Amino acid sequence: MGLAYARGGFRETVEKLVELEEVGLDAVSVAELYSFDAVSQLGYIAARTSRVHIESGIVQIYTRTPSLTAMTAAGLDYVSDGRFVLGMGASGPQVIEGFHGLKYDAPVGRTREIVEICRQVWRRERVEYSGKHYTIPLPADQGTGLGKPLKIINHPVREQIPIMLAALGPKNVEMAAELAEVWEPIWFHPGKAAEVWGASLEAGKARRDPALGELQTAVNVPFAVGPGSGKLREHVRPQLALYVGGMGAKGKNFYNDLAGRYGFADEAAEIQDLYLSGRKEEAAEKVPEELVHAVSLIGTEDEVAEQVREFAAAGVTQLNIAPLDPDHHTVKSSLETLKSLI
């Protein structure tokens, strides 16, 4: 489950998380957008929990050096006794250039190099890397000339901390299938996933190191189970409209592109036009019912059980639930129900 903290009440939310851990929550993730950093929140969660895996979901590849990313992951893995999963992704130019003032370029190439450097650090090798985007140590003609290869002082709990890559585009997905322990797409449509991502996944897996094990797939799903939960499906539309319509400019919106690849290109274009013109409610109304249903886990127990089977058959190994009813007792009972269905 993703842990929301942007609206405050973080400590209270973590107290509730402790209860959810007791009833069977397996993993919790914290996002890093342009809010509080994820790392401080994850460290707090590590101290307050004992079993649940903690995931960064996601840290942005541009905002930390590769070595600092590796150090941070090793530190979180240490304070959690080996329960950390490093979730990374490229974010988008609106956040990277608009909030951080950094150039958004070469997301696939940078991600590959960061993964390789992180694994050098965790193996306690002296870090030496010569890539297109990162060179460690810095060459003498680009600095003082005093840099030398170093290895991390501490001994990481694990030399292979699991890496989860958020990836949507064909080349990015191919790289995730090759390099990562876990692939995290967005809006996973079980009926169309093979058509949209199958070729990229197979190409990446063909170059995959067997030591990484089978690729895991973690999917985010709006979640509600029980009688009357179907009415909560309408809460999914505004979120989908926000991403399809508002997360990027025309021609530079990855989520709009994905909706098109799922077969909703005309609807995606209309949603974007409406959203960018300020007509957000109308944009939400145009989100196709098929898309809402396919990417969600909402309904009676029988309906949710069938949806779980569809996700599993399509290769999903982890469901990241986003409860639509925020009431803690409802979340707790719904989680128990879902665990029993699985």
Protein backbone atom coordinates (compact mmCIF):
# COMPACT_ATOMS: atom_id res chain seq x y z
CA MET A 1 0.00 0.00 0.00
CA GLY A 2 1.18 3.49 -0.77
CA LEU A 3 1.34 5.73 2.28
CA ALA A 4 -0.10 9.20 1.73
CA TYR A 5 1.48 11.91 3.85
CA ALA A 6 1.28 15.15 1.84
CA ARG A 7 -1.82 16.31 3.73
CA GLY A 8 -0.21 15.88 7.14
CA GLY A 9 -0.89 13.46 9.95
CA PHE A 10 2.09 11.31 9.01
CA ARG A 11 2.80 10.00 12.52
CA GLU A 12 -0.85 9.09 13.01
CA THR A 13 -0.85 7.33 9.63
CA VAL A 14 2.17 5.24 10.63
CA GLU A 15 0.47 4.24 13.88
CA LYS A 16 -2.36 2.86 11.75
CA LEU A 17 0.18 1.20 9.48
CA VAL A 18 1.43 -0.83 12.45
CA GLU A 19 -2.07 -2.32 12.75
CA LEU A 20 -2.20 -3.07 9.02
CA GLU A 21 1.13 -4.86 9.28
CA GLU A 22 -0.38 -7.10 11.95
CA VAL A 23 -3.30 -8.12 9.71
CA GLY A 24 -1.17 -8.94 6.69
CA LEU A 25 0.08 -5.91 4.77
CA ASP A 26 3.27 -7.08 3.05
CA ALA A 27 4.81 -3.84 1.81
CA VAL A 28 4.40 -0.08 2.08
CA SER A 29 5.71 2.54 -0.32
CA VAL A 30 6.25 6.29 -0.04
CA ALA A 31 6.19 8.53 -3.08
CA GLU A 32 8.57 11.40 -3.80
CA LEU A 33 7.01 14.03 -6.02
CA TYR A 34 7.58 17.64 -5.01
CA SER A 35 6.53 17.17 -1.40
CA PHE A 36 8.54 16.00 1.59
CA ASP A 37 11.39 13.69 0.62
CA ALA A 38 10.63 9.97 0.76
CA VAL A 39 13.78 8.95 2.61
CA SER A 40 13.05 10.58 5.97
CA GLN A 41 9.54 9.12 5.93
CA LEU A 42 10.82 5.63 5.08
CA GLY A 43 13.36 5.76 7.90
CA TYR A 44 10.59 6.59 10.35
CA ILE A 45 8.48 3.70 9.03
CA ALA A 46 11.45 1.33 9.38
CA ALA A 47 11.73 2.24 13.05
CA ARG A 48 8.03 1.74 13.75
CA THR A 49 7.53 -1.58 11.92
CA SER A 50 9.14 -5.00 12.08
CA ARG A 51 8.01 -7.11 9.12
CA VAL A 52 6.57 -5.01 6.31
CA HIS A 53 8.85 -4.26 3.36
CA ILE A 54 9.43 -0.55 2.75
CA GLU A 55 9.70 0.76 -0.79
CA SER A 56 10.54 4.11 -2.30
CA GLY A 57 7.81 4.59 -4.82
CA ILE A 58 9.59 6.33 -6.47
CA VAL A 59 12.79 8.34 -5.96
CA GLN A 60 13.71 10.37 -9.01
CA ILE A 61 16.90 9.43 -10.86
CA TYR A 62 17.97 13.03 -11.57
CA THR A 63 17.91 14.52 -8.08
CA ARG A 64 20.67 12.48 -6.40
CA THR A 65 24.06 11.35 -7.62
CA PRO A 66 24.23 7.61 -8.35
CA SER A 67 26.54 7.07 -5.38
CA LEU A 68 24.22 8.96 -3.03
CA THR A 69 21.29 6.89 -4.28
CA ALA A 70 23.28 3.76 -3.44
CA MET A 71 24.29 5.12 -0.01
CA THR A 72 20.70 6.06 0.78
CA ALA A 73 19.40 2.63 -0.21
CA ALA A 74 22.08 0.91 1.87
CA GLY A 75 21.21 3.10 4.85
CA LEU A 76 17.50 2.35 4.60
CA ASP A 77 18.24 -1.34 4.17
CA TYR A 78 20.35 -1.19 7.33
CA VAL A 79 17.80 0.55 9.57
CA SER A 80 15.06 -1.79 8.31
CA ASP A 81 17.11 -4.99 8.77
CA GLY A 82 17.07 -5.80 5.08
CA ARG A 83 13.48 -4.83 4.28
CA PHE A 84 14.10 -2.04 1.76
CA VAL A 85 13.29 -2.01 -1.96
CA LEU A 86 14.80 0.80 -4.03
CA GLY A 87 12.09 2.10 -6.33
CA MET A 88 13.42 4.52 -8.96
CA GLY A 89 11.97 6.32 -11.94
CA ALA A 90 12.52 9.24 -14.25
CA SER A 91 9.50 11.31 -13.16
CA GLY A 92 8.81 13.92 -15.87
CA PRO A 93 10.16 17.21 -17.18
CA GLN A 94 7.55 19.31 -15.38
CA VAL A 95 8.91 18.18 -12.00
CA ILE A 96 12.60 17.73 -12.86
CA GLU A 97 13.01 20.98 -14.77
CA GLY A 98 10.21 22.96 -13.13
CA PHE A 99 10.91 22.15 -9.46
CA HIS A 100 14.52 20.98 -9.40
CA GLY A 101 15.96 23.08 -12.23
CA LEU A 102 17.69 20.09 -13.80
CA LYS A 103 17.67 19.07 -17.44
CA TYR A 104 15.41 16.12 -18.21
CA ASP A 105 17.40 14.01 -20.63
CA ALA A 106 18.31 10.42 -21.47
CA PRO A 107 16.07 8.72 -18.87
CA VAL A 108 16.82 5.19 -20.14
CA GLY A 109 20.57 5.65 -20.39
CA ARG A 110 20.85 7.39 -17.03
CA THR A 111 18.79 4.73 -15.28
CA ARG A 112 20.97 1.92 -16.62
CA GLU A 113 24.14 3.62 -15.41
CA ILE A 114 22.68 4.40 -11.99
CA VAL A 115 21.66 0.76 -11.50
CA GLU A 116 25.15 -0.42 -12.43
CA ILE A 117 26.84 2.10 -10.11
CA CYS A 118 24.52 1.25 -7.19
CA ARG A 119 25.41 -2.40 -7.45
CA GLN A 120 29.13 -1.56 -7.47
CA VAL A 121 28.65 0.42 -4.24
CA TRP A 122 26.67 -2.35 -2.53
CA ARG A 123 29.34 -4.92 -3.43
CA ARG A 124 31.85 -2.63 -1.68
CA GLU A 125 33.94 -2.27 -4.79
CA ARG A 126 36.00 0.84 -5.36
CA VAL A 127 33.65 2.74 -7.58
CA GLU A 128 35.10 3.30 -11.02
CA TYR A 129 32.68 3.97 -13.83
CA SER A 130 33.00 5.45 -17.28
CA GLY A 131 29.63 5.94 -18.90
CA LYS A 132 27.96 8.34 -21.25
CA HIS A 133 26.24 10.19 -18.42
CA TYR A 134 28.33 9.49 -15.30
CA THR A 135 32.09 9.21 -14.86
CA ILE A 136 33.45 8.24 -11.44
CA PRO A 137 35.92 9.46 -10.26
CA LEU A 138 35.54 12.82 -11.98
CA PRO A 139 38.28 13.21 -14.61
CA ALA A 140 41.14 15.49 -13.62
CA ASP A 141 40.41 17.96 -16.43
CA GLN A 142 36.86 18.47 -15.09
CA GLY A 143 37.75 19.15 -11.46
CA THR A 144 40.68 19.47 -9.09
CA GLY A 145 42.30 16.21 -10.13
CA LEU A 146 42.20 14.98 -6.54
CA GLY A 147 39.37 12.48 -6.93
CA LYS A 148 40.22 8.82 -6.44
CA PRO A 149 38.21 5.60 -6.44
CA LEU A 150 36.54 4.94 -3.09
CA LYS A 151 34.34 2.22 -1.66
CA ILE A 152 31.54 2.65 0.82
CA ILE A 153 32.83 2.63 4.41
CA ASN A 154 30.00 0.60 5.91
CA HIS A 155 29.21 -3.01 5.09
CA PRO A 156 25.72 -3.05 3.52
CA VAL A 157 23.27 -5.59 4.93
CA ARG A 158 22.84 -6.94 1.39
CA GLU A 159 25.01 -6.54 -1.66
CA GLN A 160 21.95 -6.96 -3.87
CA ILE A 161 19.22 -4.64 -2.63
CA PRO A 162 16.13 -5.21 -4.80
CA ILE A 163 15.59 -2.51 -7.42
CA MET A 164 12.14 -1.62 -8.66
CA LEU A 165 11.98 0.46 -11.83
CA ALA A 166 8.90 2.46 -12.74
CA ALA A 167 8.72 2.23 -16.52
CA LEU A 168 6.11 2.93 -19.21
CA GLY A 169 7.81 3.44 -22.57
CA PRO A 170 8.93 0.47 -24.68
CA LYS A 171 12.69 1.05 -24.21
CA ASN A 172 12.32 1.78 -20.50
CA VAL A 173 10.23 -1.37 -19.94
CA GLU A 174 12.75 -3.43 -21.89
CA MET A 175 15.54 -2.13 -19.66
CA ALA A 176 13.52 -2.83 -16.49
CA ALA A 177 12.97 -6.43 -17.61
CA GLU A 178 16.70 -6.79 -18.17
CA LEU A 179 18.11 -5.07 -15.05
CA ALA A 180 15.56 -4.83 -12.23
CA GLU A 181 14.18 -7.26 -9.71
CA VAL A 182 10.78 -5.56 -9.94
CA TRP A 183 9.00 -3.69 -12.75
CA GLU A 184 6.34 -1.15 -11.79
CA PRO A 185 4.05 0.04 -14.58
CA ILE A 186 1.09 2.33 -14.11
CA TRP A 187 -2.52 1.43 -15.03
CA PHE A 188 -1.90 -2.20 -15.79
CA HIS A 189 -4.70 -3.45 -18.05
CA PRO A 190 -4.61 -7.27 -17.69
CA GLY A 191 -6.40 -7.83 -20.97
CA LYS A 192 -4.08 -5.61 -23.01
CA ALA A 193 -0.79 -5.78 -21.13
CA ALA A 194 0.72 -8.45 -23.36
CA GLU A 195 -0.18 -6.47 -26.47
CA VAL A 196 1.25 -3.20 -25.12
CA TRP A 197 4.31 -4.42 -23.20
CA GLY A 198 4.88 -8.04 -24.19
CA ALA A 199 7.54 -7.47 -26.85
CA SER A 200 9.54 -5.11 -24.62
CA LEU A 201 9.39 -7.50 -21.68
CA GLU A 202 10.53 -10.48 -23.75
CA ALA A 203 13.41 -8.51 -25.30
CA GLY A 204 14.62 -7.42 -21.88
CA LYS A 205 14.26 -10.86 -20.31
CA ALA A 206 16.36 -12.35 -23.11
CA ARG A 207 19.35 -10.35 -21.80
CA ARG A 208 18.52 -10.79 -18.11
CA ASP A 209 21.12 -12.14 -15.69
CA PRO A 210 19.68 -15.36 -14.20
CA ALA A 211 21.08 -14.33 -10.82
CA LEU A 212 18.37 -11.64 -10.64
CA GLY A 213 15.66 -14.30 -10.54
CA GLU A 214 12.28 -14.01 -12.21
CA LEU A 215 11.06 -10.49 -12.92
CA GLN A 216 8.40 -9.39 -10.43
CA THR A 217 5.60 -7.03 -11.48
CA ALA A 218 4.11 -4.58 -8.98
CA VAL A 219 0.86 -2.93 -10.04
CA ASN A 220 -0.93 0.02 -8.44
CA VAL A 221 -4.70 -0.44 -8.15
CA PRO A 222 -7.46 1.75 -6.70
CA PHE A 223 -9.09 -0.60 -4.19
CA ALA A 224 -12.45 -1.17 -2.55
CA VAL A 225 -14.19 -4.46 -1.73
CA GLY A 226 -17.61 -5.30 -0.39
CA PRO A 227 -21.28 -4.52 -0.99
CA GLY A 228 -21.77 -1.07 -2.49
CA SER A 229 -18.09 -0.51 -3.21
CA GLY A 230 -18.80 -0.20 -6.92
CA LYS A 231 -19.99 3.37 -6.42
CA LEU A 232 -16.46 4.30 -5.39
CA ARG A 233 -15.31 3.57 -8.93
CA GLU A 234 -16.31 7.12 -9.84
CA HIS A 235 -13.48 8.38 -7.63
CA VAL A 236 -11.01 6.81 -10.05
CA ARG A 237 -12.06 8.95 -13.01
CA PRO A 238 -10.65 12.30 -11.78
CA GLN A 239 -7.27 10.71 -11.05
CA LEU A 240 -7.06 9.11 -14.48
CA ALA A 241 -8.16 12.39 -16.07
CA LEU A 242 -5.47 14.27 -14.14
CA TYR A 243 -2.72 12.04 -15.55
CA VAL A 244 -4.09 11.57 -19.07
CA GLY A 245 -5.03 15.22 -19.38
CA GLY A 246 -2.79 17.24 -17.12
CA MET A 247 0.49 15.48 -16.41
CA GLY A 248 2.50 16.98 -19.25
CA ALA A 249 2.07 19.10 -22.33
CA LYS A 250 0.63 17.89 -25.62
CA GLY A 251 3.06 15.49 -27.19
CA LYS A 252 4.97 15.16 -23.88
CA ASN A 253 2.50 13.26 -21.71
CA PHE A 254 3.59 9.66 -21.12
CA TYR A 255 0.26 8.74 -19.52
CA ASN A 256 -1.71 10.09 -22.46
CA ASP A 257 0.49 8.00 -24.73
CA LEU A 258 -0.23 4.89 -22.65
CA ALA A 259 -3.98 5.43 -22.84
CA GLY A 260 -3.56 5.62 -26.61
CA ARG A 261 -1.58 2.39 -26.69
CA TYR A 262 -4.42 0.73 -24.79
CA GLY A 263 -6.73 1.69 -27.64
CA PHE A 264 -8.19 4.92 -26.25
CA ALA A 265 -6.30 7.47 -28.37
CA ASP A 266 -9.37 9.50 -29.35
CA GLU A 267 -10.68 9.58 -25.79
CA ALA A 268 -7.23 10.51 -24.46
CA ALA A 269 -6.96 13.42 -26.88
CA GLU A 270 -10.39 14.71 -25.87
CA ILE A 271 -9.62 14.32 -22.16
CA GLN A 272 -6.40 16.30 -22.62
CA ASP A 273 -8.11 19.10 -24.54
CA LEU A 274 -10.76 19.43 -21.86
CA TYR A 275 -8.32 19.23 -18.96
CA LEU A 276 -5.86 21.76 -20.35
CA SER A 277 -8.72 24.17 -21.00
CA GLY A 278 -9.73 23.98 -17.33
CA ARG A 279 -12.79 21.76 -17.81
CA LYS A 280 -11.61 19.07 -15.41
CA GLU A 281 -15.00 17.61 -14.49
CA GLU A 282 -15.90 17.15 -18.14
CA ALA A 283 -12.52 15.53 -18.72
CA ALA A 284 -13.19 13.03 -15.93
CA GLU A 285 -16.57 12.15 -17.44
CA LYS A 286 -14.83 11.18 -20.70
CA VAL A 287 -12.59 8.54 -19.08
CA PRO A 288 -13.74 5.21 -20.60
CA GLU A 289 -15.51 2.82 -18.22
CA GLU A 290 -13.46 -0.06 -19.61
CA LEU A 291 -10.23 1.65 -18.55
CA VAL A 292 -11.57 2.47 -15.08
CA HIS A 293 -12.65 -1.13 -14.52
CA ALA A 294 -9.53 -2.74 -15.96
CA VAL A 295 -6.96 -0.87 -13.87
CA SER A 296 -8.90 -1.06 -10.58
CA LEU A 297 -9.68 -3.63 -7.91
CA ILE A 298 -13.21 -2.62 -6.98
CA GLY A 299 -16.38 -4.60 -6.39
CA THR A 300 -17.99 -7.38 -4.39
CA GLU A 301 -15.82 -10.16 -3.01
CA ASP A 302 -16.61 -12.36 -6.01
CA GLU A 303 -15.85 -9.55 -8.47
CA VAL A 304 -12.57 -8.67 -6.76
CA ALA A 305 -11.57 -12.34 -6.62
CA GLU A 306 -12.08 -12.58 -10.39
CA GLN A 307 -10.06 -9.41 -10.94
CA VAL A 308 -7.24 -10.80 -8.79
CA ARG A 309 -7.17 -13.93 -10.95
CA GLU A 310 -6.96 -11.75 -14.09
CA PHE A 311 -4.02 -9.77 -12.70
CA ALA A 312 -2.23 -12.96 -11.66
CA ALA A 313 -2.80 -14.58 -15.06
CA ALA A 314 -1.30 -11.50 -16.72
CA GLY A 315 1.91 -11.84 -14.67
CA VAL A 316 1.29 -9.49 -11.75
CA THR A 317 3.07 -10.59 -8.55
CA GLN A 318 2.35 -7.65 -6.23
CA LEU A 319 -0.79 -5.56 -5.86
CA ASN A 320 -0.15 -2.04 -4.53
CA ILE A 321 -3.55 -1.07 -3.20
CA ALA A 322 -4.81 2.51 -2.96
CA PRO A 323 -7.91 2.28 -0.72
CA LEU A 324 -10.69 4.56 -1.95
CA ASP A 325 -12.41 4.71 1.44
CA PRO A 326 -9.95 6.38 3.83
CA ASP A 327 -11.64 5.16 7.02
CA HIS A 328 -9.02 3.15 8.88
CA HIS A 329 -11.37 0.40 10.05
CA THR A 330 -12.65 -0.02 6.49
CA VAL A 331 -9.10 -0.22 5.14
CA LYS A 332 -8.19 -2.79 7.78
CA SER A 333 -11.20 -5.03 7.15
CA SER A 334 -10.84 -4.68 3.36
CA LEU A 335 -7.20 -5.69 3.57
CA GLU A 336 -8.12 -8.77 5.60
CA THR A 337 -10.77 -9.65 3.02
CA LEU A 338 -8.34 -9.24 0.14
CA LYS A 339 -5.74 -11.43 1.84
CA SER A 340 -8.35 -14.14 2.28
CA LEU A 341 -9.35 -13.91 -1.40
CA ILE A 342 -5.75 -14.18 -2.54
